Amino acid sequence: MSHYYISFFSWVNEPEQKGGSDEIYHNIANIIKEDLWLNPLNYFNNEDYDEDEDESCDVEKDDDNDDQDHDDEEEE
């Protein structure tokens, strides 16, 4: 099965795509016009970030301590 990918700019310039449903293009355009265009920072900043995920990624703190231990051993 081959996939045909169209760029966003091609989609904007050619709203009448062959073999596609015009309704889906209008829905996407309305989402962009009514929500994304007016509030881009809501999507850019990813405000729905889950704080629980952040707690599970404390690898840097452990790595920093390990590096200091190795540096001390090398000095001896």
PDB file of N, CA and C in Angstrom:
ATOM      1  N   MET A   1       0.843  -1.166   0.000  1.00  0.00           N
ATOM      2  CA  MET A   1       0.000   0.000   0.000  1.00  0.00           C
ATOM      3  C   MET A   1       0.898   1.243   0.000  1.00  0.00           C
ATOM      4  N   SER A   2       0.709   2.100  -0.950  1.00  0.00           N
ATOM      5  CA  SER A   2       1.517   3.312  -1.020  1.00  0.00           C
ATOM      6  C   SER A   2       0.761   4.469  -0.373  1.00  0.00           C
ATOM      7  N   HIS A   3       1.520   5.326   0.273  1.00  0.00           N
ATOM      8  CA  HIS A   3       0.938   6.494   0.930  1.00  0.00           C
ATOM      9  C   HIS A   3       1.353   7.730   0.153  1.00  0.00           C
ATOM     10  N   TYR A   4       0.401   8.605  -0.028  1.00  0.00           N
ATOM     11  CA  TYR A   4       0.674   9.870  -0.689  1.00  0.00           C
ATOM     12  C   TYR A   4       0.623  10.951   0.377  1.00  0.00           C
ATOM     13  N   TYR A   5       1.751  11.589   0.636  1.00  0.00           N
ATOM     14  CA  TYR A   5       1.810  12.644   1.628  1.00  0.00           C
ATOM     15  C   TYR A   5       1.785  13.983   0.929  1.00  0.00           C
ATOM     16  N   ILE A   6       0.991  14.870   1.467  1.00  0.00           N
ATOM     17  CA  ILE A   6       0.866  16.209   0.905  1.00  0.00           C
ATOM     18  C   ILE A   6       1.362  17.196   1.955  1.00  0.00           C
ATOM     19  N   SER A   7       2.083  18.189   1.535  1.00  0.00           N
ATOM     20  CA  SER A   7       2.567  19.180   2.486  1.00  0.00           C
ATOM     21  C   SER A   7       1.421  20.084   2.918  1.00  0.00           C
ATOM     22  N   PHE A   8       1.615  20.731   4.042  1.00  0.00           N
ATOM     23  CA  PHE A   8       0.603  21.650   4.547  1.00  0.00           C
ATOM     24  C   PHE A   8       0.348  22.764   3.546  1.00  0.00           C
ATOM     25  N   PHE A   9       1.400  23.275   2.938  1.00  0.00           N
ATOM     26  CA  PHE A   9       1.244  24.390   2.009  1.00  0.00           C
ATOM     27  C   PHE A   9       0.522  23.967   0.739  1.00  0.00           C
ATOM     28  N   SER A  10       0.771  22.747   0.291  1.00  0.00           N
ATOM     29  CA  SER A  10       0.024  22.241  -0.866  1.00  0.00           C
ATOM     30  C   SER A  10      -1.447  22.091  -0.516  1.00  0.00           C
ATOM     31  N   TRP A  11      -1.709  21.615   0.688  1.00  0.00           N
ATOM     32  CA  TRP A  11      -3.094  21.451   1.127  1.00  0.00           C
ATOM     33  C   TRP A  11      -3.813  22.802   1.172  1.00  0.00           C
ATOM     34  N   VAL A  12      -3.134  23.830   1.659  1.00  0.00           N
ATOM     35  CA  VAL A  12      -3.745  25.155   1.742  1.00  0.00           C
ATOM     36  C   VAL A  12      -3.996  25.723   0.351  1.00  0.00           C
ATOM     37  N   ASN A  13      -3.048  25.541  -0.553  1.00  0.00           N
ATOM     38  CA  ASN A  13      -3.175  26.108  -1.893  1.00  0.00           C
ATOM     39  C   ASN A  13      -4.135  25.343  -2.786  1.00  0.00           C
ATOM     40  N   GLU A  14      -4.365  24.072  -2.518  1.00  0.00           N
ATOM     41  CA  GLU A  14      -5.252  23.251  -3.335  1.00  0.00           C
ATOM     42  C   GLU A  14      -6.318  22.596  -2.460  1.00  0.00           C
ATOM     43  N   PRO A  15      -7.344  23.351  -2.080  1.00  0.00           N
ATOM     44  CA  PRO A  15      -8.354  22.784  -1.170  1.00  0.00           C
ATOM     45  C   PRO A  15      -9.178  21.658  -1.789  1.00  0.00           C
ATOM     46  N   GLU A  16      -9.233  21.553  -3.089  1.00  0.00           N
ATOM     47  CA  GLU A  16     -10.002  20.509  -3.770  1.00  0.00           C
ATOM     48  C   GLU A  16      -9.085  19.339  -4.107  1.00  0.00           C
ATOM     49  N   GLN A  17      -8.737  18.520  -3.115  1.00  0.00           N
ATOM     50  CA  GLN A  17      -7.860  17.374  -3.343  1.00  0.00           C
ATOM     51  C   GLN A  17      -8.651  16.223  -3.951  1.00  0.00           C
ATOM     52  N   LYS A  18      -8.054  15.550  -4.902  1.00  0.00           N
ATOM     53  CA  LYS A  18      -8.710  14.411  -5.535  1.00  0.00           C
ATOM     54  C   LYS A  18      -8.723  13.232  -4.577  1.00  0.00           C
ATOM     55  N   GLY A  19      -9.862  12.549  -4.514  1.00  0.00           N
ATOM     56  CA  GLY A  19      -9.969  11.350  -3.707  1.00  0.00           C
ATOM     57  C   GLY A  19     -10.093  11.610  -2.220  1.00  0.00           C
ATOM     58  N   GLY A  20     -10.121  12.837  -1.798  1.00  0.00           N
ATOM     59  CA  GLY A  20     -10.233  13.151  -0.379  1.00  0.00           C
ATOM     60  C   GLY A  20     -11.586  13.742  -0.064  1.00  0.00           C
ATOM     61  N   SER A  21     -11.934  13.692   1.174  1.00  0.00           N
ATOM     62  CA  SER A  21     -13.196  14.258   1.617  1.00  0.00           C
ATOM     63  C   SER A  21     -12.986  15.738   1.930  1.00  0.00           C
ATOM     64  N   ASP A  22     -13.788  16.576   1.300  1.00  0.00           N
ATOM     65  CA  ASP A  22     -13.666  18.017   1.549  1.00  0.00           C
ATOM     66  C   ASP A  22     -14.026  18.360   2.990  1.00  0.00           C
ATOM     67  N   GLU A  23     -14.885  17.562   3.590  1.00  0.00           N
ATOM     68  CA  GLU A  23     -15.335  17.854   4.948  1.00  0.00           C
ATOM     69  C   GLU A  23     -14.178  17.818   5.945  1.00  0.00           C
ATOM     70  N   ILE A  24     -13.291  16.867   5.809  1.00  0.00           N
ATOM     71  CA  ILE A  24     -12.167  16.783   6.748  1.00  0.00           C
ATOM     72  C   ILE A  24     -11.233  17.982   6.598  1.00  0.00           C
ATOM     73  N   TYR A  25     -11.051  18.461   5.380  1.00  0.00           N
ATOM     74  CA  TYR A  25     -10.204  19.639   5.167  1.00  0.00           C
ATOM     75  C   TYR A  25     -10.834  20.878   5.791  1.00  0.00           C
ATOM     76  N   HIS A  26     -12.140  20.986   5.690  1.00  0.00           N
ATOM     77  CA  HIS A  26     -12.833  22.127   6.291  1.00  0.00           C
ATOM     78  C   HIS A  26     -12.776  22.049   7.816  1.00  0.00           C
ATOM     79  N   ASN A  27     -12.891  20.850   8.367  1.00  0.00           N
ATOM     80  CA  ASN A  27     -12.805  20.694   9.818  1.00  0.00           C
ATOM     81  C   ASN A  27     -11.428  21.091  10.334  1.00  0.00           C
ATOM     82  N   ILE A  28     -10.396  20.656   9.650  1.00  0.00           N
ATOM     83  CA  ILE A  28      -9.033  21.008  10.057  1.00  0.00           C
ATOM     84  C   ILE A  28      -8.814  22.511   9.927  1.00  0.00           C
ATOM     85  N   ALA A  29      -9.296  23.093   8.855  1.00  0.00           N
ATOM     86  CA  ALA A  29      -9.156  24.539   8.663  1.00  0.00           C
ATOM     87  C   ALA A  29      -9.880  25.302   9.763  1.00  0.00           C
ATOM     88  N   ASN A  30     -11.043  24.834  10.165  1.00  0.00           N
ATOM     89  CA  ASN A  30     -11.791  25.497  11.241  1.00  0.00           C
ATOM     90  C   ASN A  30     -11.064  25.384  12.577  1.00  0.00           C
ATOM     91  N   ILE A  31     -10.469  24.241  12.853  1.00  0.00           N
ATOM     92  CA  ILE A  31      -9.704  24.089  14.092  1.00  0.00           C
ATOM     93  C   ILE A  31      -8.539  25.067  14.110  1.00  0.00           C
ATOM     94  N   ILE A  32      -7.840  25.165  13.002  1.00  0.00           N
ATOM     95  CA  ILE A  32      -6.707  26.094  12.918  1.00  0.00           C
ATOM     96  C   ILE A  32      -7.188  27.528  13.085  1.00  0.00           C
ATOM     97  N   LYS A  33      -8.263  27.866  12.393  1.00  0.00           N
ATOM     98  CA  LYS A  33      -8.762  29.240  12.404  1.00  0.00           C
ATOM     99  C   LYS A  33      -9.317  29.636  13.770  1.00  0.00           C
ATOM    100  N   GLU A  34     -10.075  28.756  14.406  1.00  0.00           N
ATOM    101  CA  GLU A  34     -10.787  29.126  15.626  1.00  0.00           C
ATOM    102  C   GLU A  34     -10.002  28.890  16.910  1.00  0.00           C
ATOM    103  N   ASP A  35      -9.055  27.982  16.904  1.00  0.00           N
ATOM    104  CA  ASP A  35      -8.370  27.664  18.151  1.00  0.00           C
ATOM    105  C   ASP A  35      -6.860  27.850  18.061  1.00  0.00           C
ATOM    106  N   LEU A  36      -6.237  27.165  17.159  1.00  0.00           N
ATOM    107  CA  LEU A  36      -4.780  27.194  17.059  1.00  0.00           C
ATOM    108  C   LEU A  36      -4.258  28.581  16.697  1.00  0.00           C
ATOM    109  N   TRP A  37      -4.892  29.243  15.760  1.00  0.00           N
ATOM    110  CA  TRP A  37      -4.424  30.561  15.314  1.00  0.00           C
ATOM    111  C   TRP A  37      -4.563  31.596  16.427  1.00  0.00           C
ATOM    112  N   LEU A  38      -5.632  31.488  17.212  1.00  0.00           N
ATOM    113  CA  LEU A  38      -5.873  32.463  18.272  1.00  0.00           C
ATOM    114  C   LEU A  38      -5.061  32.175  19.537  1.00  0.00           C
ATOM    115  N   ASN A  39      -4.735  30.920  19.793  1.00  0.00           N
ATOM    116  CA  ASN A  39      -4.046  30.530  21.024  1.00  0.00           C
ATOM    117  C   ASN A  39      -2.846  29.622  20.745  1.00  0.00           C
ATOM    118  N   PRO A  40      -1.877  30.058  19.985  1.00  0.00           N
ATOM    119  CA  PRO A  40      -0.781  29.148  19.616  1.00  0.00           C
ATOM    120  C   PRO A  40       0.077  28.719  20.802  1.00  0.00           C
ATOM    121  N   LEU A  41       0.210  29.557  21.822  1.00  0.00           N
ATOM    122  CA  LEU A  41       1.067  29.204  22.951  1.00  0.00           C
ATOM    123  C   LEU A  41       0.507  28.049  23.767  1.00  0.00           C
ATOM    124  N   ASN A  42      -0.808  27.862  23.734  1.00  0.00           N
ATOM    125  CA  ASN A  42      -1.379  26.713  24.433  1.00  0.00           C
ATOM    126  C   ASN A  42      -0.838  25.414  23.865  1.00  0.00           C
ATOM    127  N   TYR A  43      -0.595  25.375  22.592  1.00  0.00           N
ATOM    128  CA  TYR A  43      -0.082  24.170  21.955  1.00  0.00           C
ATOM    129  C   TYR A  43       1.440  24.120  22.009  1.00  0.00           C
ATOM    130  N   PHE A  44       2.078  25.265  21.892  1.00  0.00           N
ATOM    131  CA  PHE A  44       3.536  25.318  21.903  1.00  0.00           C
ATOM    132  C   PHE A  44       4.095  24.949  23.274  1.00  0.00           C
ATOM    133  N   ASN A  45       3.490  25.479  24.328  1.00  0.00           N
ATOM    134  CA  ASN A  45       3.980  25.246  25.683  1.00  0.00           C
ATOM    135  C   ASN A  45       3.576  23.891  26.233  1.00  0.00           C
ATOM    136  N   ASN A  46       2.642  23.221  25.594  1.00  0.00           N
ATOM    137  CA  ASN A  46       2.189  21.899  26.023  1.00  0.00           C
ATOM    138  C   ASN A  46       1.754  21.931  27.483  1.00  0.00           C
ATOM    139  N   GLU A  47       0.766  22.746  27.798  1.00  0.00           N
ATOM    140  CA  GLU A  47       0.319  22.943  29.167  1.00  0.00           C
ATOM    141  C   GLU A  47      -0.255  21.687  29.805  1.00  0.00           C
ATOM    142  N   ASP A  48      -0.604  20.676  29.038  1.00  0.00           N
ATOM    143  CA  ASP A  48      -1.170  19.455  29.584  1.00  0.00           C
ATOM    144  C   ASP A  48      -0.085  18.492  30.049  1.00  0.00           C
ATOM    145  N   TYR A  49       1.110  18.969  30.266  1.00  0.00           N
ATOM    146  CA  TYR A  49       2.232  18.137  30.680  1.00  0.00           C
ATOM    147  C   TYR A  49       1.919  17.514  32.035  1.00  0.00           C
ATOM    148  N   ASP A  50       2.123  16.235  32.157  1.00  0.00           N
ATOM    149  CA  ASP A  50       1.836  15.497  33.368  1.00  0.00           C
ATOM    150  C   ASP A  50       3.044  15.573  34.299  1.00  0.00           C
ATOM    151  N   GLU A  51       2.850  16.088  35.514  1.00  0.00           N
ATOM    152  CA  GLU A  51       3.964  16.264  36.441  1.00  0.00           C
ATOM    153  C   GLU A  51       4.529  14.935  36.916  1.00  0.00           C
ATOM    154  N   ASP A  52       3.731  13.877  36.922  1.00  0.00           N
ATOM    155  CA  ASP A  52       4.217  12.564  37.349  1.00  0.00           C
ATOM    156  C   ASP A  52       5.328  12.071  36.440  1.00  0.00           C
ATOM    157  N   GLU A  53       5.260  12.405  35.168  1.00  0.00           N
ATOM    158  CA  GLU A  53       6.299  11.991  34.229  1.00  0.00           C
ATOM    159  C   GLU A  53       7.627  12.652  34.570  1.00  0.00           C
ATOM    160  N   ASP A  54       7.580  13.895  35.056  1.00  0.00           N
ATOM    161  CA  ASP A  54       8.795  14.631  35.376  1.00  0.00           C
ATOM    162  C   ASP A  54       9.534  13.975  36.539  1.00  0.00           C
ATOM    163  N   GLU A  55       8.800  13.468  37.530  1.00  0.00           N
ATOM    164  CA  GLU A  55       9.424  12.861  38.697  1.00  0.00           C
ATOM    165  C   GLU A  55      10.169  11.586  38.348  1.00  0.00           C
ATOM    166  N   SER A  56       9.735  10.891  37.328  1.00  0.00           N
ATOM    167  CA  SER A  56      10.370   9.628  36.968  1.00  0.00           C
ATOM    168  C   SER A  56      11.646   9.833  36.153  1.00  0.00           C
ATOM    169  N   CYS A  57      11.976  11.064  35.834  1.00  0.00           N
ATOM    170  CA  CYS A  57      13.135  11.344  34.980  1.00  0.00           C
ATOM    171  C   CYS A  57      14.223  12.077  35.750  1.00  0.00           C
ATOM    172  N   ASP A  58      14.529  11.635  36.960  1.00  0.00           N
ATOM    173  CA  ASP A  58      15.556  12.280  37.769  1.00  0.00           C
ATOM    174  C   ASP A  58      16.923  11.643  37.549  1.00  0.00           C
ATOM    175  N   VAL A  59      17.250  11.350  36.332  1.00  0.00           N
ATOM    176  CA  VAL A  59      18.494  10.665  36.005  1.00  0.00           C
ATOM    177  C   VAL A  59      19.686  11.604  36.141  1.00  0.00           C
ATOM    178  N   GLU A  60      19.513  12.859  35.806  1.00  0.00           N
ATOM    179  CA  GLU A  60      20.631  13.805  35.811  1.00  0.00           C
ATOM    180  C   GLU A  60      21.234  13.965  37.201  1.00  0.00           C
ATOM    181  N   LYS A  61      20.412  13.996  38.239  1.00  0.00           N
ATOM    182  CA  LYS A  61      20.929  14.166  39.593  1.00  0.00           C
ATOM    183  C   LYS A  61      21.838  13.004  39.964  1.00  0.00           C
ATOM    184  N   ASP A  62      21.430  11.808  39.651  1.00  0.00           N
ATOM    185  CA  ASP A  62      22.238  10.630  39.955  1.00  0.00           C
ATOM    186  C   ASP A  62      23.520  10.628  39.140  1.00  0.00           C
ATOM    187  N   ASP A  63      23.436  11.009  37.878  1.00  0.00           N
ATOM    188  CA  ASP A  63      24.609  11.025  37.015  1.00  0.00           C
ATOM    189  C   ASP A  63      25.643  12.039  37.496  1.00  0.00           C
ATOM    190  N   ASP A  64      25.177  13.196  37.980  1.00  0.00           N
ATOM    191  CA  ASP A  64      26.100  14.216  38.457  1.00  0.00           C
ATOM    192  C   ASP A  64      26.900  13.701  39.650  1.00  0.00           C
ATOM    193  N   ASN A  65      26.263  13.007  40.557  1.00  0.00           N
ATOM    194  CA  ASN A  65      26.959  12.465  41.721  1.00  0.00           C
ATOM    195  C   ASN A  65      27.955  11.394  41.310  1.00  0.00           C
ATOM    196  N   ASP A  66      27.596  10.581  40.355  1.00  0.00           N
ATOM    197  CA  ASP A  66      28.500   9.547  39.869  1.00  0.00           C
ATOM    198  C   ASP A  66      29.741  10.161  39.240  1.00  0.00           C
ATOM    199  N   ASP A  67      29.573  11.241  38.508  1.00  0.00           N
ATOM    200  CA  ASP A  67      30.704  11.904  37.868  1.00  0.00           C
ATOM    201  C   ASP A  67      31.673  12.449  38.910  1.00  0.00           C
ATOM    202  N   GLN A  68      31.146  13.001  39.998  1.00  0.00           N
ATOM    203  CA  GLN A  68      32.002  13.533  41.046  1.00  0.00           C
ATOM    204  C   GLN A  68      32.791  12.421  41.713  1.00  0.00           C
ATOM    205  N   ASP A  69      32.169  11.278  41.922  1.00  0.00           N
ATOM    206  CA  ASP A  69      32.856  10.142  42.524  1.00  0.00           C
ATOM    207  C   ASP A  69      34.010   9.691  41.641  1.00  0.00           C
ATOM    208  N   HIS A  70      33.789   9.638  40.350  1.00  0.00           N
ATOM    209  CA  HIS A  70      34.832   9.215  39.423  1.00  0.00           C
ATOM    210  C   HIS A  70      35.971  10.231  39.368  1.00  0.00           C
ATOM    211  N   ASP A  71      35.641  11.512  39.465  1.00  0.00           N
ATOM    212  CA  ASP A  71      36.672  12.547  39.450  1.00  0.00           C
ATOM    213  C   ASP A  71      37.565  12.431  40.682  1.00  0.00           C
ATOM    214  N   ASP A  72      36.960  12.137  41.839  1.00  0.00           N
ATOM    215  CA  ASP A  72      37.728  11.994  43.071  1.00  0.00           C
ATOM    216  C   ASP A  72      38.690  10.819  42.978  1.00  0.00           C
ATOM    217  N   GLU A  73      38.249   9.734  42.380  1.00  0.00           N
ATOM    218  CA  GLU A  73      39.094   8.554  42.248  1.00  0.00           C
ATOM    219  C   GLU A  73      40.280   8.830  41.329  1.00  0.00           C
ATOM    220  N   GLU A  74      40.067   9.610  40.284  1.00  0.00           N
ATOM    221  CA  GLU A  74      41.131   9.904  39.336  1.00  0.00           C
ATOM    222  C   GLU A  74      42.206  10.785  39.960  1.00  0.00           C
ATOM    223  N   GLU A  75      41.818  11.668  40.883  1.00  0.00           N
ATOM    224  CA  GLU A  75      42.771  12.578  41.507  1.00  0.00           C
ATOM    225  C   GLU A  75      43.733  11.834  42.428  1.00  0.00           C
ATOM    226  N   GLU A  76      43.321  10.708  42.986  1.00  0.00           N
ATOM    227  CA  GLU A  76      44.167   9.975  43.936  1.00  0.00           C
ATOM    228  C   GLU A  76      45.265   9.303  43.278  1.00  0.00           C
TER     229      GLU A  76
END
